[in-house]
Amino acid sequence: MILHTKKEAAEQLGCSVVTVDKLRRQGKLPCHKVGALVKFTPEDIDAFLQRAAVPAETEA
């Protein structure tokens, strides 16, 4: 199983580590605790991105 650090997750999401922490605390981005470390799976990051997707508007 591949686990990413907060920094790696932030890079994949295109945001800051602070934002990753905020999303984690809000329960929007699942994580795995390994001792005192917080890690993220690629699947959890991808699922978050899918849920956050906004459909494109069609032209009238």
PDB file of N, CA and C in Angstrom:
ATOM      1  N   MET A   1       0.847  -1.179   0.000  1.00  0.00           N
ATOM      2  CA  MET A   1       0.000   0.000   0.000  1.00  0.00           C
ATOM      3  C   MET A   1       0.889   1.237   0.000  1.00  0.00           C
ATOM      4  N   ILE A   2       0.583   2.128  -0.912  1.00  0.00           N
ATOM      5  CA  ILE A   2       1.331   3.381  -0.994  1.00  0.00           C
ATOM      6  C   ILE A   2       0.644   4.408  -0.104  1.00  0.00           C
ATOM      7  N   LEU A   3       1.421   5.092   0.714  1.00  0.00           N
ATOM      8  CA  LEU A   3       0.897   6.156   1.568  1.00  0.00           C
ATOM      9  C   LEU A   3       1.681   7.428   1.311  1.00  0.00           C
ATOM     10  N   HIS A   4       0.949   8.521   1.139  1.00  0.00           N
ATOM     11  CA  HIS A   4       1.573   9.816   0.875  1.00  0.00           C
ATOM     12  C   HIS A   4       1.587  10.676   2.130  1.00  0.00           C
ATOM     13  N   THR A   5       2.590  11.526   2.235  1.00  0.00           N
ATOM     14  CA  THR A   5       2.677  12.482   3.337  1.00  0.00           C
ATOM     15  C   THR A   5       1.716  13.641   3.055  1.00  0.00           C
ATOM     16  N   LYS A   6       1.551  14.513   4.050  1.00  0.00           N
ATOM     17  CA  LYS A   6       0.730  15.711   3.861  1.00  0.00           C
ATOM     18  C   LYS A   6       1.281  16.555   2.720  1.00  0.00           C
ATOM     19  N   LYS A   7       2.593  16.684   2.659  1.00  0.00           N
ATOM     20  CA  LYS A   7       3.212  17.498   1.612  1.00  0.00           C
ATOM     21  C   LYS A   7       2.934  16.909   0.239  1.00  0.00           C
ATOM     22  N   GLU A   8       3.065  15.590   0.101  1.00  0.00           N
ATOM     23  CA  GLU A   8       2.800  14.943  -1.179  1.00  0.00           C
ATOM     24  C   GLU A   8       1.330  15.067  -1.567  1.00  0.00           C
ATOM     25  N   ALA A   9       0.442  14.920  -0.586  1.00  0.00           N
ATOM     26  CA  ALA A   9      -0.994  15.076  -0.859  1.00  0.00           C
ATOM     27  C   ALA A   9      -1.288  16.506  -1.314  1.00  0.00           C
ATOM     28  N   ALA A  10      -0.675  17.486  -0.648  1.00  0.00           N
ATOM     29  CA  ALA A  10      -0.871  18.885  -1.019  1.00  0.00           C
ATOM     30  C   ALA A  10      -0.403  19.137  -2.452  1.00  0.00           C
ATOM     31  N   GLU A  11       0.719  18.558  -2.826  1.00  0.00           N
ATOM     32  CA  GLU A  11       1.230  18.735  -4.184  1.00  0.00           C
ATOM     33  C   GLU A  11       0.255  18.147  -5.204  1.00  0.00           C
ATOM     34  N   GLN A  12      -0.295  16.968  -4.900  1.00  0.00           N
ATOM     35  CA  GLN A  12      -1.245  16.337  -5.828  1.00  0.00           C
ATOM     36  C   GLN A  12      -2.541  17.134  -5.930  1.00  0.00           C
ATOM     37  N   LEU A  13      -2.960  17.728  -4.828  1.00  0.00           N
ATOM     38  CA  LEU A  13      -4.202  18.492  -4.816  1.00  0.00           C
ATOM     39  C   LEU A  13      -4.011  19.927  -5.294  1.00  0.00           C
ATOM     40  N   GLY A  14      -2.766  20.385  -5.369  1.00  0.00           N
ATOM     41  CA  GLY A  14      -2.494  21.756  -5.786  1.00  0.00           C
ATOM     42  C   GLY A  14      -2.873  22.768  -4.728  1.00  0.00           C
ATOM     43  N   CYS A  15      -2.650  22.399  -3.469  1.00  0.00           N
ATOM     44  CA  CYS A  15      -2.977  23.293  -2.361  1.00  0.00           C
ATOM     45  C   CYS A  15      -1.851  23.252  -1.334  1.00  0.00           C
ATOM     46  N   SER A  16      -2.040  23.942  -0.226  1.00  0.00           N
ATOM     47  CA  SER A  16      -1.019  23.974   0.819  1.00  0.00           C
ATOM     48  C   SER A  16      -1.238  22.840   1.816  1.00  0.00           C
ATOM     49  N   VAL A  17      -0.213  22.572   2.610  1.00  0.00           N
ATOM     50  CA  VAL A  17      -0.300  21.570   3.671  1.00  0.00           C
ATOM     51  C   VAL A  17      -1.353  21.996   4.693  1.00  0.00           C
ATOM     52  N   VAL A  18      -1.468  23.298   4.931  1.00  0.00           N
ATOM     53  CA  VAL A  18      -2.479  23.820   5.862  1.00  0.00           C
ATOM     54  C   VAL A  18      -3.882  23.458   5.364  1.00  0.00           C
ATOM     55  N   THR A  19      -4.108  23.582   4.067  1.00  0.00           N
ATOM     56  CA  THR A  19      -5.413  23.227   3.494  1.00  0.00           C
ATOM     57  C   THR A  19      -5.671  21.734   3.622  1.00  0.00           C
ATOM     58  N   VAL A  20      -4.660  20.919   3.397  1.00  0.00           N
ATOM     59  CA  VAL A  20      -4.800  19.463   3.570  1.00  0.00           C
ATOM     60  C   VAL A  20      -5.213  19.161   5.009  1.00  0.00           C
ATOM     61  N   ASP A  21      -4.577  19.801   5.985  1.00  0.00           N
ATOM     62  CA  ASP A  21      -4.931  19.606   7.391  1.00  0.00           C
ATOM     63  C   ASP A  21      -6.378  20.017   7.653  1.00  0.00           C
ATOM     64  N   LYS A  22      -6.793  21.144   7.059  1.00  0.00           N
ATOM     65  CA  LYS A  22      -8.162  21.627   7.250  1.00  0.00           C
ATOM     66  C   LYS A  22      -9.165  20.621   6.675  1.00  0.00           C
ATOM     67  N   LEU A  23      -8.896  20.129   5.468  1.00  0.00           N
ATOM     68  CA  LEU A  23      -9.782  19.153   4.833  1.00  0.00           C
ATOM     69  C   LEU A  23      -9.851  17.863   5.652  1.00  0.00           C
ATOM     70  N   ARG A  24      -8.729  17.462   6.203  1.00  0.00           N
ATOM     71  CA  ARG A  24      -8.676  16.257   7.036  1.00  0.00           C
ATOM     72  C   ARG A  24      -9.507  16.437   8.299  1.00  0.00           C
ATOM     73  N   ARG A  25      -9.336  17.575   8.977  1.00  0.00           N
ATOM     74  CA  ARG A  25     -10.081  17.838  10.218  1.00  0.00           C
ATOM     75  C   ARG A  25     -11.584  17.944   9.968  1.00  0.00           C
ATOM     76  N   GLN A  26     -11.968  18.437   8.794  1.00  0.00           N
ATOM     77  CA  GLN A  26     -13.381  18.573   8.435  1.00  0.00           C
ATOM     78  C   GLN A  26     -13.986  17.237   7.996  1.00  0.00           C
ATOM     79  N   GLY A  27     -13.147  16.215   7.860  1.00  0.00           N
ATOM     80  CA  GLY A  27     -13.625  14.908   7.437  1.00  0.00           C
ATOM     81  C   GLY A  27     -13.840  14.780   5.946  1.00  0.00           C
ATOM     82  N   LYS A  28     -13.353  15.748   5.191  1.00  0.00           N
ATOM     83  CA  LYS A  28     -13.529  15.733   3.738  1.00  0.00           C
ATOM     84  C   LYS A  28     -12.455  14.923   3.025  1.00  0.00           C
ATOM     85  N   LEU A  29     -11.291  14.782   3.653  1.00  0.00           N
ATOM     86  CA  LEU A  29     -10.171  14.031   3.077  1.00  0.00           C
ATOM     87  C   LEU A  29      -9.755  12.948   4.067  1.00  0.00           C
ATOM     88  N   PRO A  30     -10.126  11.696   3.784  1.00  0.00           N
ATOM     89  CA  PRO A  30      -9.773  10.613   4.706  1.00  0.00           C
ATOM     90  C   PRO A  30      -8.260  10.459   4.838  1.00  0.00           C
ATOM     91  N   CYS A  31      -7.830   9.995   6.000  1.00  0.00           N
ATOM     92  CA  CYS A  31      -6.406   9.777   6.235  1.00  0.00           C
ATOM     93  C   CYS A  31      -6.194   8.511   7.048  1.00  0.00           C
ATOM     94  N   HIS A  32      -4.939   8.127   7.162  1.00  0.00           N
ATOM     95  CA  HIS A  32      -4.535   6.965   7.954  1.00  0.00           C
ATOM     96  C   HIS A  32      -3.464   7.432   8.916  1.00  0.00           C
ATOM     97  N   LYS A  33      -3.630   7.096  10.179  1.00  0.00           N
ATOM     98  CA  LYS A  33      -2.633   7.455  11.186  1.00  0.00           C
ATOM     99  C   LYS A  33      -1.645   6.296  11.309  1.00  0.00           C
ATOM    100  N   VAL A  34      -0.364   6.619  11.199  1.00  0.00           N
ATOM    101  CA  VAL A  34       0.711   5.649  11.391  1.00  0.00           C
ATOM    102  C   VAL A  34       1.546   6.209  12.532  1.00  0.00           C
ATOM    103  N   GLY A  35       1.256   5.738  13.733  1.00  0.00           N
ATOM    104  CA  GLY A  35       1.867   6.348  14.906  1.00  0.00           C
ATOM    105  C   GLY A  35       1.361   7.776  15.002  1.00  0.00           C
ATOM    106  N   ALA A  36       2.284   8.720  15.041  1.00  0.00           N
ATOM    107  CA  ALA A  36       1.909  10.136  15.093  1.00  0.00           C
ATOM    108  C   ALA A  36       1.807  10.749  13.697  1.00  0.00           C
ATOM    109  N   LEU A  37       2.132   9.991  12.666  1.00  0.00           N
ATOM    110  CA  LEU A  37       2.129  10.510  11.306  1.00  0.00           C
ATOM    111  C   LEU A  37       0.754  10.381  10.663  1.00  0.00           C
ATOM    112  N   VAL A  38       0.417  11.330   9.839  1.00  0.00           N
ATOM    113  CA  VAL A  38      -0.825  11.307   9.064  1.00  0.00           C
ATOM    114  C   VAL A  38      -0.446  11.018   7.621  1.00  0.00           C
ATOM    115  N   LYS A  39      -1.079   9.986   7.039  1.00  0.00           N
ATOM    116  CA  LYS A  39      -0.770   9.579   5.665  1.00  0.00           C
ATOM    117  C   LYS A  39      -2.055   9.479   4.858  1.00  0.00           C
ATOM    118  N   PHE A  40      -1.915   9.559   3.541  1.00  0.00           N
ATOM    119  CA  PHE A  40      -3.048   9.534   2.625  1.00  0.00           C
ATOM    120  C   PHE A  40      -2.783   8.529   1.516  1.00  0.00           C
ATOM    121  N   THR A  41      -3.810   7.766   1.139  1.00  0.00           N
ATOM    122  CA  THR A  41      -3.657   6.833   0.020  1.00  0.00           C
ATOM    123  C   THR A  41      -3.977   7.562  -1.283  1.00  0.00           C
ATOM    124  N   PRO A  42      -3.410   7.109  -2.385  1.00  0.00           N
ATOM    125  CA  PRO A  42      -3.752   7.713  -3.677  1.00  0.00           C
ATOM    126  C   PRO A  42      -5.253   7.606  -3.968  1.00  0.00           C
ATOM    127  N   GLU A  43      -5.877   6.507  -3.543  1.00  0.00           N
ATOM    128  CA  GLU A  43      -7.307   6.313  -3.763  1.00  0.00           C
ATOM    129  C   GLU A  43      -8.135   7.358  -3.001  1.00  0.00           C
ATOM    130  N   ASP A  44      -7.727   7.661  -1.768  1.00  0.00           N
ATOM    131  CA  ASP A  44      -8.441   8.678  -0.991  1.00  0.00           C
ATOM    132  C   ASP A  44      -8.311  10.057  -1.634  1.00  0.00           C
ATOM    133  N   ILE A  45      -7.133  10.363  -2.147  1.00  0.00           N
ATOM    134  CA  ILE A  45      -6.914  11.653  -2.815  1.00  0.00           C
ATOM    135  C   ILE A  45      -7.750  11.730  -4.089  1.00  0.00           C
ATOM    136  N   ASP A  46      -7.732  10.649  -4.887  1.00  0.00           N
ATOM    137  CA  ASP A  46      -8.518  10.618  -6.127  1.00  0.00           C
ATOM    138  C   ASP A  46     -10.014  10.733  -5.843  1.00  0.00           C
ATOM    139  N   ALA A  47     -10.493  10.036  -4.808  1.00  0.00           N
ATOM    140  CA  ALA A  47     -11.915  10.092  -4.453  1.00  0.00           C
ATOM    141  C   ALA A  47     -12.303  11.510  -4.037  1.00  0.00           C
ATOM    142  N   PHE A  48     -11.439  12.181  -3.287  1.00  0.00           N
ATOM    143  CA  PHE A  48     -11.715  13.567  -2.891  1.00  0.00           C
ATOM    144  C   PHE A  48     -11.835  14.451  -4.125  1.00  0.00           C
ATOM    145  N   LEU A  49     -10.916  14.286  -5.073  1.00  0.00           N
ATOM    146  CA  LEU A  49     -10.953  15.093  -6.291  1.00  0.00           C
ATOM    147  C   LEU A  49     -12.231  14.835  -7.087  1.00  0.00           C
ATOM    148  N   GLN A  50     -12.685  13.585  -7.140  1.00  0.00           N
ATOM    149  CA  GLN A  50     -13.923  13.259  -7.853  1.00  0.00           C
ATOM    150  C   GLN A  50     -15.124  13.925  -7.187  1.00  0.00           C
ATOM    151  N   ARG A  51     -15.170  13.885  -5.860  1.00  0.00           N
ATOM    152  CA  ARG A  51     -16.281  14.507  -5.126  1.00  0.00           C
ATOM    153  C   ARG A  51     -16.266  16.025  -5.273  1.00  0.00           C
ATOM    154  N   ALA A  52     -15.080  16.611  -5.429  1.00  0.00           N
ATOM    155  CA  ALA A  52     -14.944  18.068  -5.503  1.00  0.00           C
ATOM    156  C   ALA A  52     -15.133  18.596  -6.926  1.00  0.00           C
ATOM    157  N   ALA A  53     -15.241  17.694  -7.896  1.00  0.00           N
ATOM    158  CA  ALA A  53     -15.365  18.126  -9.292  1.00  0.00           C
ATOM    159  C   ALA A  53     -16.660  18.904  -9.498  1.00  0.00           C
ATOM    160  N   VAL A  54     -16.557  19.958 -10.285  1.00  0.00           N
ATOM    161  CA  VAL A  54     -17.709  20.783 -10.633  1.00  0.00           C
ATOM    162  C   VAL A  54     -17.989  20.566 -12.111  1.00  0.00           C
ATOM    163  N   PRO A  55     -19.224  20.190 -12.455  1.00  0.00           N
ATOM    164  CA  PRO A  55     -19.526  19.957 -13.863  1.00  0.00           C
ATOM    165  C   PRO A  55     -19.399  21.236 -14.688  1.00  0.00           C
ATOM    166  N   ALA A  56     -18.960  21.063 -15.917  1.00  0.00           N
ATOM    167  CA  ALA A  56     -18.818  22.212 -16.811  1.00  0.00           C
ATOM    168  C   ALA A  56     -20.199  22.716 -17.211  1.00  0.00           C
ATOM    169  N   GLU A  57     -20.310  24.022 -17.349  1.00  0.00           N
ATOM    170  CA  GLU A  57     -21.569  24.622 -17.782  1.00  0.00           C
ATOM    171  C   GLU A  57     -21.676  24.494 -19.294  1.00  0.00           C
ATOM    172  N   THR A  58     -22.877  24.218 -19.752  1.00  0.00           N
ATOM    173  CA  THR A  58     -23.085  24.141 -21.199  1.00  0.00           C
ATOM    174  C   THR A  58     -23.569  25.499 -21.685  1.00  0.00           C
ATOM    175  N   GLU A  59     -23.204  25.811 -22.912  1.00  0.00           N
ATOM    176  CA  GLU A  59     -23.630  27.082 -23.492  1.00  0.00           C
ATOM    177  C   GLU A  59     -25.045  26.968 -24.015  1.00  0.00           C
ATOM    178  N   ALA A  60     -25.821  27.995 -23.846  1.00  0.00           N
ATOM    179  CA  ALA A  60     -27.222  27.982 -24.312  1.00  0.00           C
ATOM    180  C   ALA A  60     -27.314  28.451 -25.728  1.00  0.00           C
TER     181      ALA A  60
END
